[in-house]
Amino acid sequence: MSIESLSLQIIKHQQQLTEVAKRITVLESTPAAAVKQKGGGELYEDRVYNIVKSLHPSPFLVVLPKGKTSDNNSVDLPLQFCGMPLPIELKMKGAQMGGSSAHYDRATSTFTKLVKDLPDAELILSAAAVKIPALNAYIDAAKELEPSSEITGMPITLNKSTYTALGRRGLQAEAASEIEHPISFLSNFYNKKRIYYIQIEEHGFFSLGGNPFNFPIPELKGTFNLEFRIGPAGSGASSRRSAGYRIQGRLKGLNYSPFSLDDEDVCQALFDKDWRV
């Protein structure tokens, strides 16, 4: 390689390094809130909220300020209709309720939190309670196999051979098998929060265990499913592996409604009338 060619490559490399340094400077000076992107669920919530907010004025409808998305006590679509609160739950297509690894305390037999802050955290952990006996059996067996290890719950760190032994006993399959709740579980959960309506992308607008405003919509049908996974992480020569207890919630077998709140004309027609009279 000639000296001239080598010089050109050095100059090009220096230019690339300069460009990388500029990008790092920009990222370091950008507030974290500006870097964080909204998830699909939040974008759908914003879309429906803005559609309802943009409707022609109705004597029956008031669009209330939207709370923080990360606040589990907030409402996806806070409305007031005919002078009364009308909170509506919103879900994006796929009807995925969110997924995260859970922290579990064996001493108290309770799920303490999800690693990821999800709007549906309370619902998911409440539904996952049926797995507590199977999870306790898994953890207790791990303690028997590794009596000198400090095992308090989930996440858990064990030898690879211990995971294999638990799998052979069928304990991992039992703790990680999918469960199915009737849709009434979902309805009862939201009804306790005085939420009786849900909008699901590509499925439409439904009532949940009641229809106090008598909207001409069907009641939601289907199942509320939870998928579980105990996944040891890591690779290499180490014989120890850490594993979390991942939970994923989904709505399955849903029906369809002829009305959807992500359609401006439908919204206008629904909220321009008091359907109770």
Foldseek 3Di string as FASTA:
>chain_A
DDPVVVVVVVVVVVVVVVVVVVVVVVVVPDDPVVVDDDDPFLVVLVLLQVLLVPADDAPFKDFDDFDDQLDLLTASTWMGGNNHTAGEAEAEPQQWQDKFFWWAFLVVLATDWGPDRGSCTVVQRVVLSVLSVLQNVLQVQQCVVPVPDDGGHPFDKDFPVSVVVCVVVVSQVSSFPKDKAWLLSVLVVVVVVVHQWYAYHPAAIAGRPDDVQQFPKYHKGFIKMKGWHWDFDDDDDDRMTTTTIMIIIGTPPIHHIPHHSSDSVSSNVRRNDRNVD
